Amino acid sequence: MKIGLSYSRCIRDIVEGKVDINDVLVIIARTDFDPRDADQWKGIWEGYGGGGRSNGSMIRGFFSGGSNPEWAGYTDEDEDLFRSVSIELWESGKFHQPRKFGAHPARRPEIWLETVLPSEELENNPAAKSAWEKFQTVAGLTNVKLDKEYR
C-alpha cells in the first residue's frame, strides 16, 4: 500500500502504470478542488500543463501547479484518463486535501511512501508496531485488502 504526497505526480504515476490505483491507500494533496466540477478540473488540467499548457491558473485563490507542469507532455486527448483517475480516487475516499480544512502543507520531495514494514522492524520498534496496527485498522475500514503473509 502506498501513501501519495503529490497530487500531480501521483496521478501521473497511476496514469503511466508505474503505480496500480488499487495499491493506493490515500493521496494527500496540496490542492483544493473537486475533480467532478468541470471548471475546477479545467483549471487543474491547464495548471499542471495538460494539453501542452504551462501557464497555470487560479483555483480558489492559489496557483494550480503552473510552476510545476507535471503533465506538460500529455495532450488534450489524455485529459479524460487523468480526470477519471482523479474522480475514482475522490469517490473512493482516497484523495485527501488538507487545504479544504485550512492547512497549507509544503511541497515534499517524496512522491510515494510505502506503508508496509518488515516484520523484524515491527518487533524491534514498539512505536512502529503500534502505528502499523492502527494503519491496519484504518485500512480495514477503507476496504483495503491486507496481505497478512507479507514479509
C-alpha atoms as a PDB file:
ATOM      1  CA  MET A   1       0.000   0.000   0.000  1.00  0.00           C
ATOM      2  CA  LYS A   2       1.148   3.495  -0.825  1.00  0.00           C
ATOM      3  CA  ILE A   3       0.524   6.969   0.518  1.00  0.00           C
ATOM      4  CA  GLY A   4       0.958   9.653  -2.107  1.00  0.00           C
ATOM      5  CA  LEU A   5       2.247  13.102  -1.233  1.00  0.00           C
ATOM      6  CA  SER A   6       1.865  14.919  -4.558  1.00  0.00           C
ATOM      7  CA  TYR A   7      -1.396  15.066  -6.450  1.00  0.00           C
ATOM      8  CA  SER A   8       0.065  15.787  -9.888  1.00  0.00           C
ATOM      9  CA  ARG A   9       2.984  13.363  -9.646  1.00  0.00           C
ATOM     10  CA  CYS A  10       0.885  10.560  -8.127  1.00  0.00           C
ATOM     11  CA  ILE A  11      -1.867  10.831 -10.734  1.00  0.00           C
ATOM     12  CA  ARG A  12       0.820  10.837 -13.431  1.00  0.00           C
ATOM     13  CA  ASP A  13       2.374   7.663 -11.954  1.00  0.00           C
ATOM     14  CA  ILE A  14      -1.033   5.933 -11.927  1.00  0.00           C
ATOM     15  CA  VAL A  15      -1.827   7.014 -15.499  1.00  0.00           C
ATOM     16  CA  GLU A  16       1.618   5.826 -16.665  1.00  0.00           C
ATOM     17  CA  GLY A  17       1.102   2.462 -14.958  1.00  0.00           C
ATOM     18  CA  LYS A  18       4.006   2.911 -12.526  1.00  0.00           C
ATOM     19  CA  VAL A  19       1.589   2.562  -9.608  1.00  0.00           C
ATOM     20  CA  ASP A  20      -1.601   0.482  -9.555  1.00  0.00           C
ATOM     21  CA  ILE A  21      -4.561   2.524  -8.334  1.00  0.00           C
ATOM     22  CA  ASN A  22      -5.551  -0.450  -6.157  1.00  0.00           C
ATOM     23  CA  ASP A  23      -2.259  -0.097  -4.250  1.00  0.00           C
ATOM     24  CA  VAL A  24      -3.106   3.468  -3.172  1.00  0.00           C
ATOM     25  CA  LEU A  25      -4.224   3.925   0.415  1.00  0.00           C
ATOM     26  CA  VAL A  26      -4.543   7.722   0.100  1.00  0.00           C
ATOM     27  CA  ILE A  27      -3.096  10.696  -1.746  1.00  0.00           C
ATOM     28  CA  ILE A  28      -2.507  13.705   0.476  1.00  0.00           C
ATOM     29  CA  ALA A  29      -2.541  16.654  -1.903  1.00  0.00           C
ATOM     30  CA  ARG A  30      -1.792  20.361  -1.644  1.00  0.00           C
ATOM     31  CA  THR A  31      -4.762  21.132  -3.880  1.00  0.00           C
ATOM     32  CA  ASP A  32      -8.273  22.314  -3.076  1.00  0.00           C
ATOM     33  CA  PHE A  33     -10.669  21.299  -5.829  1.00  0.00           C
ATOM     34  CA  ASP A  34     -13.332  18.791  -6.791  1.00  0.00           C
ATOM     35  CA  PRO A  35     -12.366  16.780  -9.899  1.00  0.00           C
ATOM     36  CA  ARG A  36     -16.076  16.319 -10.693  1.00  0.00           C
ATOM     37  CA  ASP A  37     -16.504  20.077 -11.144  1.00  0.00           C
ATOM     38  CA  ALA A  38     -15.752  20.899 -14.809  1.00  0.00           C
ATOM     39  CA  ASP A  39     -14.495  24.446 -14.175  1.00  0.00           C
ATOM     40  CA  GLN A  40     -12.262  23.445 -11.288  1.00  0.00           C
ATOM     41  CA  TRP A  41     -10.966  20.449 -13.231  1.00  0.00           C
ATOM     42  CA  LYS A  42     -10.110  22.600 -16.274  1.00  0.00           C
ATOM     43  CA  GLY A  43      -8.024  24.891 -14.061  1.00  0.00           C
ATOM     44  CA  ILE A  44      -6.128  21.926 -12.620  1.00  0.00           C
ATOM     45  CA  TRP A  45      -5.581  20.305 -16.044  1.00  0.00           C
ATOM     46  CA  GLU A  46      -4.253  23.514 -17.541  1.00  0.00           C
ATOM     47  CA  GLY A  47      -2.356  24.478 -14.390  1.00  0.00           C
ATOM     48  CA  TYR A  48      -0.324  21.259 -14.443  1.00  0.00           C
ATOM     49  CA  GLY A  49       0.444  21.747 -18.122  1.00  0.00           C
ATOM     50  CA  GLY A  50      -2.042  19.239 -19.515  1.00  0.00           C
ATOM     51  CA  GLY A  51      -2.624  19.626 -23.227  1.00  0.00           C
ATOM     52  CA  GLY A  52       0.803  21.215 -23.595  1.00  0.00           C
ATOM     53  CA  ARG A  53      -0.037  24.263 -21.472  1.00  0.00           C
ATOM     54  CA  SER A  54       2.307  25.542 -18.806  1.00  0.00           C
ATOM     55  CA  ASN A  55       0.872  28.922 -17.865  1.00  0.00           C
ATOM     56  CA  GLY A  56      -1.094  27.791 -14.798  1.00  0.00           C
ATOM     57  CA  SER A  57      -4.365  29.185 -13.496  1.00  0.00           C
ATOM     58  CA  MET A  58      -6.009  30.172 -10.258  1.00  0.00           C
ATOM     59  CA  ILE A  59      -8.218  27.775  -8.287  1.00  0.00           C
ATOM     60  CA  ARG A  60      -9.794  29.123  -5.079  1.00  0.00           C
ATOM     61  CA  GLY A  61      -7.064  31.714  -4.724  1.00  0.00           C
ATOM     62  CA  PHE A  62      -3.976  29.569  -5.234  1.00  0.00           C
ATOM     63  CA  PHE A  63      -1.863  28.813  -8.244  1.00  0.00           C
ATOM     64  CA  SER A  64      -2.867  25.396  -9.529  1.00  0.00           C
ATOM     65  CA  GLY A  65       0.526  23.996 -10.351  1.00  0.00           C
ATOM     66  CA  GLY A  66       1.722  26.170 -13.225  1.00  0.00           C
ATOM     67  CA  SER A  67       5.186  26.354 -11.709  1.00  0.00           C
ATOM     68  CA  ASN A  68       5.392  22.546 -11.810  1.00  0.00           C
ATOM     69  CA  PRO A  69       3.934  21.491 -15.174  1.00  0.00           C
ATOM     70  CA  GLU A  70       3.962  17.790 -14.326  1.00  0.00           C
ATOM     71  CA  TRP A  71       1.534  16.932 -17.124  1.00  0.00           C
ATOM     72  CA  ALA A  72       3.107  19.048 -19.886  1.00  0.00           C
ATOM     73  CA  GLY A  73       3.883  16.031 -22.081  1.00  0.00           C
ATOM     74  CA  TYR A  74       0.259  14.966 -22.299  1.00  0.00           C
ATOM     75  CA  THR A  75      -2.240  16.046 -24.931  1.00  0.00           C
ATOM     76  CA  ASP A  76      -5.866  17.058 -24.579  1.00  0.00           C
ATOM     77  CA  GLU A  77      -6.770  13.506 -25.622  1.00  0.00           C
ATOM     78  CA  ASP A  78      -5.225  12.271 -22.339  1.00  0.00           C
ATOM     79  CA  GLU A  79      -7.358  14.570 -20.197  1.00  0.00           C
ATOM     80  CA  ASP A  80     -10.207  12.086 -19.640  1.00  0.00           C
ATOM     81  CA  LEU A  81      -7.796   9.487 -18.262  1.00  0.00           C
ATOM     82  CA  PHE A  82      -6.266  11.922 -15.747  1.00  0.00           C
ATOM     83  CA  ARG A  83      -9.701  13.116 -14.714  1.00  0.00           C
ATOM     84  CA  SER A  84     -11.199   9.624 -14.381  1.00  0.00           C
ATOM     85  CA  VAL A  85      -8.304   8.522 -12.130  1.00  0.00           C
ATOM     86  CA  SER A  86      -8.822  11.661 -10.030  1.00  0.00           C
ATOM     87  CA  ILE A  87     -12.563  11.059  -9.749  1.00  0.00           C
ATOM     88  CA  GLU A  88     -12.084   7.393  -8.849  1.00  0.00           C
ATOM     89  CA  LEU A  89      -9.733   8.351  -6.003  1.00  0.00           C
ATOM     90  CA  TRP A  90     -12.130  11.122  -4.886  1.00  0.00           C
ATOM     91  CA  GLU A  91     -15.170   8.875  -4.852  1.00  0.00           C
ATOM     92  CA  SER A  92     -13.352   6.062  -3.036  1.00  0.00           C
ATOM     93  CA  GLY A  93     -12.232   8.451  -0.268  1.00  0.00           C
ATOM     94  CA  LYS A  94      -8.558   8.156  -1.200  1.00  0.00           C
ATOM     95  CA  PHE A  95      -7.995  11.811  -2.095  1.00  0.00           C
ATOM     96  CA  HIS A  96      -7.323  13.990   0.954  1.00  0.00           C
ATOM     97  CA  GLN A  97      -6.830  17.740   0.563  1.00  0.00           C
ATOM     98  CA  PRO A  98      -5.712  19.430   3.801  1.00  0.00           C
ATOM     99  CA  ARG A  99      -6.308  22.883   2.217  1.00  0.00           C
ATOM    100  CA  LYS A 100     -10.041  22.150   2.438  1.00  0.00           C
ATOM    101  CA  PHE A 101      -9.560  22.262   6.211  1.00  0.00           C
ATOM    102  CA  GLY A 102      -7.357  25.364   6.394  1.00  0.00           C
ATOM    103  CA  ALA A 103      -3.937  23.677   6.309  1.00  0.00           C
ATOM    104  CA  HIS A 104      -1.217  24.712   3.861  1.00  0.00           C
ATOM    105  CA  PRO A 105       1.239  21.826   3.556  1.00  0.00           C
ATOM    106  CA  ALA A 106       4.621  22.381   1.930  1.00  0.00           C
ATOM    107  CA  ARG A 107       5.620  20.524  -1.241  1.00  0.00           C
ATOM    108  CA  ARG A 108       7.547  17.391  -0.320  1.00  0.00           C
ATOM    109  CA  PRO A 109      10.321  15.798  -2.332  1.00  0.00           C
ATOM    110  CA  GLU A 110       8.829  12.346  -1.785  1.00  0.00           C
ATOM    111  CA  ILE A 111       6.096  11.228  -4.128  1.00  0.00           C
ATOM    112  CA  TRP A 112       5.098   7.917  -2.505  1.00  0.00           C
ATOM    113  CA  LEU A 113       5.540   6.373   0.931  1.00  0.00           C
ATOM    114  CA  GLU A 114       5.303   2.620   1.380  1.00  0.00           C
ATOM    115  CA  THR A 115       3.063   1.531   4.246  1.00  0.00           C
ATOM    116  CA  VAL A 116       4.462  -1.968   4.683  1.00  0.00           C
ATOM    117  CA  LEU A 117       7.188  -2.586   7.229  1.00  0.00           C
ATOM    118  CA  PRO A 118       9.285  -5.751   7.544  1.00  0.00           C
ATOM    119  CA  SER A 119       8.164  -7.896  10.483  1.00  0.00           C
ATOM    120  CA  GLU A 120      11.606  -7.702  12.141  1.00  0.00           C
ATOM    121  CA  GLU A 121      11.353  -3.904  12.158  1.00  0.00           C
ATOM    122  CA  LEU A 122       7.960  -4.131  13.814  1.00  0.00           C
ATOM    123  CA  GLU A 123       9.286  -6.429  16.533  1.00  0.00           C
ATOM    124  CA  ASN A 124      12.279  -4.149  17.216  1.00  0.00           C
ATOM    125  CA  ASN A 125      10.327  -0.904  17.217  1.00  0.00           C
ATOM    126  CA  PRO A 126       7.257  -0.757  19.519  1.00  0.00           C
ATOM    127  CA  ALA A 127       6.179   2.648  18.156  1.00  0.00           C
ATOM    128  CA  ALA A 128       6.262   1.352  14.573  1.00  0.00           C
ATOM    129  CA  LYS A 129       4.360  -1.772  15.620  1.00  0.00           C
ATOM    130  CA  SER A 130       1.642   0.329  17.258  1.00  0.00           C
ATOM    131  CA  ALA A 131       1.407   2.602  14.208  1.00  0.00           C
ATOM    132  CA  TRP A 132       1.223  -0.421  11.885  1.00  0.00           C
ATOM    133  CA  GLU A 133      -1.596  -1.939  13.923  1.00  0.00           C
ATOM    134  CA  LYS A 134      -3.500   1.351  13.747  1.00  0.00           C
ATOM    135  CA  PHE A 135      -2.889   1.522   9.998  1.00  0.00           C
ATOM    136  CA  GLN A 136      -4.301  -1.974   9.607  1.00  0.00           C
ATOM    137  CA  THR A 137      -7.456  -0.867  11.410  1.00  0.00           C
ATOM    138  CA  VAL A 138      -7.842   2.174   9.150  1.00  0.00           C
ATOM    139  CA  ALA A 139      -7.072   0.095   6.046  1.00  0.00           C
ATOM    140  CA  GLY A 140      -9.772  -2.358   7.046  1.00  0.00           C
ATOM    141  CA  LEU A 141     -12.281   0.479   7.273  1.00  0.00           C
ATOM    142  CA  THR A 142     -11.469   1.585   3.721  1.00  0.00           C
ATOM    143  CA  ASN A 143     -11.944  -1.873   2.209  1.00  0.00           C
ATOM    144  CA  VAL A 144      -8.216  -2.214   1.519  1.00  0.00           C
ATOM    145  CA  LYS A 145      -7.118  -5.810   1.196  1.00  0.00           C
ATOM    146  CA  LEU A 146      -4.230  -6.549   3.568  1.00  0.00           C
ATOM    147  CA  ASP A 147      -1.630  -9.174   2.787  1.00  0.00           C
ATOM    148  CA  LYS A 148      -1.324 -10.914   6.142  1.00  0.00           C
ATOM    149  CA  GLU A 149       1.563 -13.042   4.788  1.00  0.00           C
ATOM    150  CA  TYR A 150       3.732 -10.073   3.648  1.00  0.00           C
ATOM    151  CA  ARG A 151       7.330 -10.268   4.900  1.00  0.00           C
END
